[in-house]
Amino acid sequence: MGRSFEDLVAEAEAASVDGWDFSWLDGRATEERPPWGYARAMAARLARATAALDVQTGGGEVLNEAPELPVLTVATESWPPNLAKATALLRPRGVAVVRDEDEPPLPFADATFDLVVSRHPVTTWWAEIARVLQPGGTYFSQQVGPASVFELVEFFLGPLDEETRRSRRPDDARAAAEAAGLEVVDLQTASLRTEFHDIGAVVYFLRKVIWMVPGFTVERHRDRLRDLHDTIESGGPFTATTTRFLIEARRPA
């Protein structure tokens, strides 16, 4: 017999969701990784750059994986708990962490950076990316694709309309990048399997990735959480499809 619904939910509700580290889910949820290895590819580009910007850095964990950073490296973040975590993690490495509300304009001068990176940005403001890139500079980003984990989202919200399901399409990102004057040099997509092994993993995930089920709370969604707990207990892990795309765009020299 597994742990009780109440124990699992209480544990997940008490866990800190600061930063962008998902290690709390180890052994409780699994997600296939995209084939392109974003952190490794980003690190290789950072090692060659002279001035770099990481947009929406979260807690700074992904940027901090890079063994070598340019002398001028800046990161932006909007959420205060993440801002504090990123500052503590990145400042010892000489990174300036700047509070930015994820709305235009970026608080930097034109043509400041030869590399801009971003992992899973909520929104990409393409005109601003183009503005702060130097001629010949590159934007390199892994993004959440269309209908990602929607099996879980629709379990709580019901069927979503077609417009919502089709948002975040890679082709739309390409068109927006080109409209901002950038040249897309790489665009890859991946459809990946995600499994939630207990209801605590679901609670933690929805508390952390707050835009999946807007307004999610255990109290508000307790009945559906209990239904999903029973489903997992009787039928095994809840499976969803995660979508990702990698986009690299260059400002013409």
C-alpha atoms as a PDB file:
ATOM      1  CA  MET A   1       0.000   0.000   0.000  1.00  0.00           C
ATOM      2  CA  GLY A   2       1.420   3.390  -0.983  1.00  0.00           C
ATOM      3  CA  ARG A   3       1.497   6.547   1.086  1.00  0.00           C
ATOM      4  CA  SER A   4      -1.803   8.279   1.728  1.00  0.00           C
ATOM      5  CA  PHE A   5      -3.223  11.055  -0.422  1.00  0.00           C
ATOM      6  CA  GLU A   6      -3.071  13.485   2.507  1.00  0.00           C
ATOM      7  CA  ASP A   7       0.587  12.725   3.294  1.00  0.00           C
ATOM      8  CA  LEU A   8       1.717  13.092  -0.301  1.00  0.00           C
ATOM      9  CA  VAL A   9      -0.174  16.342  -0.826  1.00  0.00           C
ATOM     10  CA  ALA A  10       0.975  17.866   2.473  1.00  0.00           C
ATOM     11  CA  GLU A  11       4.612  17.070   1.707  1.00  0.00           C
ATOM     12  CA  ALA A  12       4.422  18.623  -1.769  1.00  0.00           C
ATOM     13  CA  GLU A  13       2.536  21.667  -0.514  1.00  0.00           C
ATOM     14  CA  ALA A  14       5.257  22.343   2.076  1.00  0.00           C
ATOM     15  CA  ALA A  15       8.168  22.004  -0.373  1.00  0.00           C
ATOM     16  CA  SER A  16       9.941  25.151  -1.565  1.00  0.00           C
ATOM     17  CA  VAL A  17       9.322  25.966  -5.232  1.00  0.00           C
ATOM     18  CA  ASP A  18      11.907  28.765  -5.457  1.00  0.00           C
ATOM     19  CA  GLY A  19      14.336  28.642  -8.350  1.00  0.00           C
ATOM     20  CA  TRP A  20      14.202  26.413 -11.405  1.00  0.00           C
ATOM     21  CA  ASP A  21      15.655  23.240  -9.925  1.00  0.00           C
ATOM     22  CA  PHE A  22      13.361  20.211 -10.221  1.00  0.00           C
ATOM     23  CA  SER A  23      15.478  17.778  -8.199  1.00  0.00           C
ATOM     24  CA  TRP A  24      12.646  17.435  -5.637  1.00  0.00           C
ATOM     25  CA  LEU A  25      10.906  15.328  -8.287  1.00  0.00           C
ATOM     26  CA  ASP A  26      13.739  12.779  -8.531  1.00  0.00           C
ATOM     27  CA  GLY A  27      12.164   9.333  -8.259  1.00  0.00           C
ATOM     28  CA  ARG A  28       8.670  10.837  -8.358  1.00  0.00           C
ATOM     29  CA  ALA A  29       8.424  12.090 -11.938  1.00  0.00           C
ATOM     30  CA  THR A  30      10.417  11.536 -15.118  1.00  0.00           C
ATOM     31  CA  GLU A  31      10.751  13.588 -18.273  1.00  0.00           C
ATOM     32  CA  GLU A  32      12.557  12.641 -21.453  1.00  0.00           C
ATOM     33  CA  ARG A  33      15.231  15.152 -22.423  1.00  0.00           C
ATOM     34  CA  PRO A  34      15.426  16.725 -25.890  1.00  0.00           C
ATOM     35  CA  PRO A  35      18.144  15.267 -28.106  1.00  0.00           C
ATOM     36  CA  TRP A  36      20.065  18.504 -28.633  1.00  0.00           C
ATOM     37  CA  GLY A  37      21.423  18.973 -25.065  1.00  0.00           C
ATOM     38  CA  TYR A  38      20.609  22.637 -24.480  1.00  0.00           C
ATOM     39  CA  ALA A  39      22.826  23.274 -21.423  1.00  0.00           C
ATOM     40  CA  ARG A  40      25.886  21.774 -23.115  1.00  0.00           C
ATOM     41  CA  ALA A  41      25.285  23.662 -26.369  1.00  0.00           C
ATOM     42  CA  MET A  42      24.661  26.899 -24.472  1.00  0.00           C
ATOM     43  CA  ALA A  43      27.906  26.444 -22.520  1.00  0.00           C
ATOM     44  CA  ALA A  44      29.871  26.029 -25.759  1.00  0.00           C
ATOM     45  CA  ARG A  45      28.455  29.305 -27.084  1.00  0.00           C
ATOM     46  CA  LEU A  46      29.118  31.139 -23.804  1.00  0.00           C
ATOM     47  CA  ALA A  47      32.754  30.040 -23.930  1.00  0.00           C
ATOM     48  CA  ARG A  48      33.129  31.847 -27.281  1.00  0.00           C
ATOM     49  CA  ALA A  49      31.129  34.979 -26.410  1.00  0.00           C
ATOM     50  CA  THR A  50      32.435  38.321 -25.159  1.00  0.00           C
ATOM     51  CA  ALA A  51      29.181  39.735 -23.723  1.00  0.00           C
ATOM     52  CA  ALA A  52      26.192  37.535 -22.867  1.00  0.00           C
ATOM     53  CA  LEU A  53      22.673  37.965 -21.515  1.00  0.00           C
ATOM     54  CA  ASP A  54      20.508  35.219 -19.986  1.00  0.00           C
ATOM     55  CA  VAL A  55      16.850  36.312 -20.143  1.00  0.00           C
ATOM     56  CA  GLN A  56      14.446  34.980 -17.486  1.00  0.00           C
ATOM     57  CA  THR A  57      17.208  33.068 -15.721  1.00  0.00           C
ATOM     58  CA  GLY A  58      14.974  31.595 -13.000  1.00  0.00           C
ATOM     59  CA  GLY A  59      17.221  30.752 -10.073  1.00  0.00           C
ATOM     60  CA  GLY A  60      20.294  30.914 -12.317  1.00  0.00           C
ATOM     61  CA  GLU A  61      20.799  27.145 -12.230  1.00  0.00           C
ATOM     62  CA  VAL A  62      21.094  26.561 -15.975  1.00  0.00           C
ATOM     63  CA  LEU A  63      23.472  29.478 -16.575  1.00  0.00           C
ATOM     64  CA  ASN A  64      25.592  28.331 -13.650  1.00  0.00           C
ATOM     65  CA  GLU A  65      26.133  24.954 -15.340  1.00  0.00           C
ATOM     66  CA  ALA A  66      28.374  26.635 -17.910  1.00  0.00           C
ATOM     67  CA  PRO A  67      32.007  26.127 -16.871  1.00  0.00           C
ATOM     68  CA  GLU A  68      33.169  29.303 -18.601  1.00  0.00           C
ATOM     69  CA  LEU A  69      31.349  32.657 -18.768  1.00  0.00           C
ATOM     70  CA  PRO A  70      32.215  35.854 -20.655  1.00  0.00           C
ATOM     71  CA  VAL A  71      33.717  38.691 -18.646  1.00  0.00           C
ATOM     72  CA  LEU A  72      30.450  40.575 -19.198  1.00  0.00           C
ATOM     73  CA  THR A  73      27.567  38.267 -18.317  1.00  0.00           C
ATOM     74  CA  VAL A  74      24.174  39.573 -17.232  1.00  0.00           C
ATOM     75  CA  ALA A  75      20.994  37.723 -16.230  1.00  0.00           C
ATOM     76  CA  THR A  76      17.445  39.017 -15.818  1.00  0.00           C
ATOM     77  CA  GLU A  77      14.633  37.676 -13.636  1.00  0.00           C
ATOM     78  CA  SER A  78      11.261  39.003 -12.456  1.00  0.00           C
ATOM     79  CA  TRP A  79      10.133  36.810  -9.549  1.00  0.00           C
ATOM     80  CA  PRO A  80      11.698  38.010  -6.242  1.00  0.00           C
ATOM     81  CA  PRO A  81      12.447  34.546  -4.736  1.00  0.00           C
ATOM     82  CA  ASN A  82      14.186  33.507  -7.962  1.00  0.00           C
ATOM     83  CA  LEU A  83      15.972  36.852  -8.143  1.00  0.00           C
ATOM     84  CA  ALA A  84      17.449  36.315  -4.685  1.00  0.00           C
ATOM     85  CA  LYS A  85      18.454  32.749  -5.505  1.00  0.00           C
ATOM     86  CA  ALA A  86      20.035  33.707  -8.833  1.00  0.00           C
ATOM     87  CA  THR A  87      21.960  36.573  -7.226  1.00  0.00           C
ATOM     88  CA  ALA A  88      23.383  34.309  -4.528  1.00  0.00           C
ATOM     89  CA  LEU A  89      24.355  31.670  -7.086  1.00  0.00           C
ATOM     90  CA  LEU A  90      25.695  33.857  -9.887  1.00  0.00           C
ATOM     91  CA  ARG A  91      27.216  36.928  -8.239  1.00  0.00           C
ATOM     92  CA  PRO A  92      30.275  34.977  -7.005  1.00  0.00           C
ATOM     93  CA  ARG A  93      30.952  34.202 -10.677  1.00  0.00           C
ATOM     94  CA  GLY A  94      30.844  37.865 -11.624  1.00  0.00           C
ATOM     95  CA  VAL A  95      27.365  37.786 -13.168  1.00  0.00           C
ATOM     96  CA  ALA A  96      25.196  40.889 -12.761  1.00  0.00           C
ATOM     97  CA  VAL A  97      21.607  39.808 -11.960  1.00  0.00           C
ATOM     98  CA  VAL A  98      19.055  42.469 -12.903  1.00  0.00           C
ATOM     99  CA  ARG A  99      15.398  42.634 -11.919  1.00  0.00           C
ATOM    100  CA  ASP A 100      13.262  42.907 -15.045  1.00  0.00           C
ATOM    101  CA  GLU A 101       9.502  42.471 -15.302  1.00  0.00           C
ATOM    102  CA  ASP A 102       9.648  40.402 -18.517  1.00  0.00           C
ATOM    103  CA  GLU A 103       8.009  43.230 -20.440  1.00  0.00           C
ATOM    104  CA  PRO A 104       9.643  45.451 -23.072  1.00  0.00           C
ATOM    105  CA  PRO A 105      11.999  47.184 -23.057  1.00  0.00           C
ATOM    106  CA  LEU A 106      14.976  45.203 -21.829  1.00  0.00           C
ATOM    107  CA  PRO A 107      17.031  47.514 -19.551  1.00  0.00           C
ATOM    108  CA  PHE A 108      20.096  47.524 -21.815  1.00  0.00           C
ATOM    109  CA  ALA A 109      21.502  49.700 -24.575  1.00  0.00           C
ATOM    110  CA  ASP A 110      21.289  48.781 -28.246  1.00  0.00           C
ATOM    111  CA  ALA A 111      23.835  46.244 -29.548  1.00  0.00           C
ATOM    112  CA  THR A 112      25.212  45.362 -26.099  1.00  0.00           C
ATOM    113  CA  PHE A 113      25.501  41.568 -26.368  1.00  0.00           C
ATOM    114  CA  ASP A 114      26.930  39.147 -28.899  1.00  0.00           C
ATOM    115  CA  LEU A 115      24.978  36.285 -27.287  1.00  0.00           C
ATOM    116  CA  VAL A 116      21.510  36.191 -25.727  1.00  0.00           C
ATOM    117  CA  VAL A 117      20.252  32.909 -24.263  1.00  0.00           C
ATOM    118  CA  SER A 118      17.014  31.851 -22.600  1.00  0.00           C
ATOM    119  CA  ARG A 119      15.678  28.501 -21.413  1.00  0.00           C
ATOM    120  CA  HIS A 120      11.891  28.210 -21.316  1.00  0.00           C
ATOM    121  CA  PRO A 121      11.015  31.920 -21.461  1.00  0.00           C
ATOM    122  CA  VAL A 122       7.386  32.685 -20.711  1.00  0.00           C
ATOM    123  CA  THR A 123       7.373  35.214 -23.574  1.00  0.00           C
ATOM    124  CA  THR A 124      10.032  36.092 -26.143  1.00  0.00           C
ATOM    125  CA  TRP A 125      10.071  39.779 -27.062  1.00  0.00           C
ATOM    126  CA  TRP A 126      11.757  39.369 -30.418  1.00  0.00           C
ATOM    127  CA  ALA A 127      12.159  43.054 -31.255  1.00  0.00           C
ATOM    128  CA  GLU A 128      13.984  43.591 -27.948  1.00  0.00           C
ATOM    129  CA  ILE A 129      16.211  40.573 -28.533  1.00  0.00           C
ATOM    130  CA  ALA A 130      17.144  41.975 -31.940  1.00  0.00           C
ATOM    131  CA  ARG A 131      17.770  45.438 -30.482  1.00  0.00           C
ATOM    132  CA  VAL A 132      20.223  44.357 -27.762  1.00  0.00           C
ATOM    133  CA  LEU A 133      22.131  41.956 -30.026  1.00  0.00           C
ATOM    134  CA  GLN A 134      25.258  43.185 -31.725  1.00  0.00           C
ATOM    135  CA  PRO A 135      25.387  42.797 -35.520  1.00  0.00           C
ATOM    136  CA  GLY A 136      26.368  39.169 -36.068  1.00  0.00           C
ATOM    137  CA  GLY A 137      25.173  38.272 -32.558  1.00  0.00           C
ATOM    138  CA  THR A 138      23.076  35.200 -31.747  1.00  0.00           C
ATOM    139  CA  TYR A 139      19.949  34.347 -29.779  1.00  0.00           C
ATOM    140  CA  PHE A 140      19.935  30.722 -28.550  1.00  0.00           C
ATOM    141  CA  SER A 141      16.890  29.363 -26.727  1.00  0.00           C
ATOM    142  CA  GLN A 142      15.081  26.193 -25.720  1.00  0.00           C
ATOM    143  CA  GLN A 143      11.356  26.853 -25.472  1.00  0.00           C
ATOM    144  CA  VAL A 144       8.175  25.088 -24.412  1.00  0.00           C
ATOM    145  CA  GLY A 145       6.255  23.970 -27.476  1.00  0.00           C
ATOM    146  CA  PRO A 146       2.528  23.706 -28.250  1.00  0.00           C
ATOM    147  CA  ALA A 147       0.133  21.730 -26.027  1.00  0.00           C
ATOM    148  CA  SER A 148       2.922  20.768 -23.633  1.00  0.00           C
ATOM    149  CA  VAL A 149       1.707  18.550 -20.741  1.00  0.00           C
ATOM    150  CA  PHE A 150      -1.860  19.343 -21.826  1.00  0.00           C
ATOM    151  CA  GLU A 151      -3.045  15.899 -20.725  1.00  0.00           C
ATOM    152  CA  LEU A 152      -2.427  17.106 -17.164  1.00  0.00           C
ATOM    153  CA  VAL A 153      -3.714  20.628 -17.786  1.00  0.00           C
ATOM    154  CA  GLU A 154      -6.968  19.327 -19.290  1.00  0.00           C
ATOM    155  CA  PHE A 155      -7.447  16.912 -16.382  1.00  0.00           C
ATOM    156  CA  PHE A 156      -7.947  20.002 -14.220  1.00  0.00           C
ATOM    157  CA  LEU A 157      -9.357  22.561 -16.671  1.00  0.00           C
ATOM    158  CA  GLY A 158     -11.267  20.403 -19.132  1.00  0.00           C
ATOM    159  CA  PRO A 159     -10.804  20.514 -22.919  1.00  0.00           C
ATOM    160  CA  LEU A 160      -8.939  23.588 -24.126  1.00  0.00           C
ATOM    161  CA  ASP A 161      -9.868  25.484 -27.263  1.00  0.00           C
ATOM    162  CA  GLU A 162      -7.917  24.948 -30.462  1.00  0.00           C
ATOM    163  CA  GLU A 163      -6.302  28.389 -30.350  1.00  0.00           C
ATOM    164  CA  THR A 164      -4.824  27.640 -26.913  1.00  0.00           C
ATOM    165  CA  ARG A 165      -3.644  24.216 -28.025  1.00  0.00           C
ATOM    166  CA  ARG A 166      -1.891  25.725 -31.055  1.00  0.00           C
ATOM    167  CA  SER A 167      -0.048  28.507 -29.194  1.00  0.00           C
ATOM    168  CA  ARG A 168       3.752  28.399 -28.825  1.00  0.00           C
ATOM    169  CA  ARG A 169       4.259  26.827 -32.251  1.00  0.00           C
ATOM    170  CA  PRO A 170       7.844  26.766 -33.567  1.00  0.00           C
ATOM    171  CA  ASP A 171       6.758  28.181 -36.931  1.00  0.00           C
ATOM    172  CA  ASP A 172       5.239  31.183 -35.166  1.00  0.00           C
ATOM    173  CA  ALA A 173       8.548  31.751 -33.354  1.00  0.00           C
ATOM    174  CA  ARG A 174      10.383  31.627 -36.682  1.00  0.00           C
ATOM    175  CA  ALA A 175       8.005  34.164 -38.211  1.00  0.00           C
ATOM    176  CA  ALA A 176       8.316  36.497 -35.211  1.00  0.00           C
ATOM    177  CA  ALA A 177      12.113  36.278 -35.228  1.00  0.00           C
ATOM    178  CA  GLU A 178      12.232  37.066 -38.948  1.00  0.00           C
ATOM    179  CA  ALA A 179       9.770  39.936 -38.532  1.00  0.00           C
ATOM    180  CA  ALA A 180      12.209  41.420 -35.991  1.00  0.00           C
ATOM    181  CA  GLY A 181      14.993  41.271 -38.577  1.00  0.00           C
ATOM    182  CA  LEU A 182      16.721  38.109 -37.341  1.00  0.00           C
ATOM    183  CA  GLU A 183      17.838  35.182 -39.475  1.00  0.00           C
ATOM    184  CA  VAL A 184      16.795  31.786 -38.075  1.00  0.00           C
ATOM    185  CA  VAL A 185      19.749  29.429 -38.499  1.00  0.00           C
ATOM    186  CA  ASP A 186      18.405  26.419 -36.567  1.00  0.00           C
ATOM    187  CA  LEU A 187      14.951  25.221 -35.498  1.00  0.00           C
ATOM    188  CA  GLN A 188      14.426  21.752 -33.994  1.00  0.00           C
ATOM    189  CA  THR A 189      11.421  20.201 -32.268  1.00  0.00           C
ATOM    190  CA  ALA A 190      10.908  17.276 -29.893  1.00  0.00           C
ATOM    191  CA  SER A 191       7.904  15.437 -28.431  1.00  0.00           C
ATOM    192  CA  LEU A 192       8.817  13.792 -25.131  1.00  0.00           C
ATOM    193  CA  ARG A 193       7.234  11.468 -22.576  1.00  0.00           C
ATOM    194  CA  THR A 194       6.599  12.719 -19.037  1.00  0.00           C
ATOM    195  CA  GLU A 195       5.370  10.539 -16.151  1.00  0.00           C
ATOM    196  CA  PHE A 196       4.060  11.524 -12.712  1.00  0.00           C
ATOM    197  CA  HIS A 197       4.432   8.641 -10.265  1.00  0.00           C
ATOM    198  CA  ASP A 198       2.479  10.093  -7.343  1.00  0.00           C
ATOM    199  CA  ILE A 199       0.098  12.951  -6.609  1.00  0.00           C
ATOM    200  CA  GLY A 200       2.777  14.823  -4.681  1.00  0.00           C
ATOM    201  CA  ALA A 201       4.754  15.178  -7.900  1.00  0.00           C
ATOM    202  CA  VAL A 202       1.694  16.681  -9.594  1.00  0.00           C
ATOM    203  CA  VAL A 203       1.123  19.167  -6.764  1.00  0.00           C
ATOM    204  CA  TYR A 204       4.770  20.248  -6.750  1.00  0.00           C
ATOM    205  CA  PHE A 205       4.839  20.635 -10.547  1.00  0.00           C
ATOM    206  CA  LEU A 206       1.673  22.739 -10.678  1.00  0.00           C
ATOM    207  CA  ARG A 207       2.845  24.939  -7.793  1.00  0.00           C
ATOM    208  CA  LYS A 208       6.156  25.556  -9.554  1.00  0.00           C
ATOM    209  CA  VAL A 209       5.026  25.907 -13.183  1.00  0.00           C
ATOM    210  CA  ILE A 210       2.250  28.310 -12.268  1.00  0.00           C
ATOM    211  CA  TRP A 211       1.011  29.067 -15.781  1.00  0.00           C
ATOM    212  CA  MET A 212      -0.026  25.464 -16.467  1.00  0.00           C
ATOM    213  CA  VAL A 213      -3.174  25.579 -14.306  1.00  0.00           C
ATOM    214  CA  PRO A 214      -3.631  29.278 -13.481  1.00  0.00           C
ATOM    215  CA  GLY A 215      -4.676  29.859  -9.892  1.00  0.00           C
ATOM    216  CA  PHE A 216      -3.834  26.304  -8.861  1.00  0.00           C
ATOM    217  CA  THR A 217      -4.121  25.560  -5.145  1.00  0.00           C
ATOM    218  CA  VAL A 218      -4.558  22.287  -3.303  1.00  0.00           C
ATOM    219  CA  GLU A 219      -7.672  23.607  -1.602  1.00  0.00           C
ATOM    220  CA  ARG A 220      -9.328  24.725  -4.854  1.00  0.00           C
ATOM    221  CA  HIS A 221      -8.480  21.554  -6.766  1.00  0.00           C
ATOM    222  CA  ARG A 222      -8.650  18.957  -3.997  1.00  0.00           C
ATOM    223  CA  ASP A 223     -11.413  16.874  -5.587  1.00  0.00           C
ATOM    224  CA  ARG A 224      -9.590  16.537  -8.908  1.00  0.00           C
ATOM    225  CA  LEU A 225      -6.327  15.846  -7.112  1.00  0.00           C
ATOM    226  CA  ARG A 226      -7.974  13.012  -5.216  1.00  0.00           C
ATOM    227  CA  ASP A 227      -9.409  11.626  -8.466  1.00  0.00           C
ATOM    228  CA  LEU A 228      -5.955  11.720 -10.034  1.00  0.00           C
ATOM    229  CA  HIS A 229      -4.400  10.076  -6.955  1.00  0.00           C
ATOM    230  CA  ASP A 230      -6.887   7.219  -7.280  1.00  0.00           C
ATOM    231  CA  THR A 231      -6.092   6.931 -11.010  1.00  0.00           C
ATOM    232  CA  ILE A 232      -2.351   6.668 -10.331  1.00  0.00           C
ATOM    233  CA  GLU A 233      -2.858   4.207  -7.472  1.00  0.00           C
ATOM    234  CA  SER A 234      -4.977   1.903  -9.616  1.00  0.00           C
ATOM    235  CA  GLY A 235      -3.379   2.299 -13.048  1.00  0.00           C
ATOM    236  CA  GLY A 236       0.205   3.447 -12.581  1.00  0.00           C
ATOM    237  CA  PRO A 237       1.957   6.702 -13.512  1.00  0.00           C
ATOM    238  CA  PHE A 238       0.017   9.510 -15.164  1.00  0.00           C
ATOM    239  CA  THR A 239       1.563  10.071 -18.598  1.00  0.00           C
ATOM    240  CA  ALA A 240       1.697  13.357 -20.514  1.00  0.00           C
ATOM    241  CA  THR A 241       3.488  14.638 -23.601  1.00  0.00           C
ATOM    242  CA  THR A 242       6.037  17.421 -23.199  1.00  0.00           C
ATOM    243  CA  THR A 243       6.943  19.446 -26.294  1.00  0.00           C
ATOM    244  CA  ARG A 244      10.105  21.502 -26.741  1.00  0.00           C
ATOM    245  CA  PHE A 245      11.784  23.398 -29.532  1.00  0.00           C
ATOM    246  CA  LEU A 246      15.258  24.805 -29.979  1.00  0.00           C
ATOM    247  CA  ILE A 247      15.684  28.031 -31.912  1.00  0.00           C
ATOM    248  CA  GLU A 248      18.859  29.845 -32.883  1.00  0.00           C
ATOM    249  CA  ALA A 249      18.612  33.191 -34.636  1.00  0.00           C
ATOM    250  CA  ARG A 250      21.287  35.635 -35.749  1.00  0.00           C
ATOM    251  CA  ARG A 251      21.263  39.371 -36.227  1.00  0.00           C
ATOM    252  CA  PRO A 252      22.713  40.042 -39.673  1.00  0.00           C
ATOM    253  CA  ALA A 253      26.182  41.561 -39.607  1.00  0.00           C
END
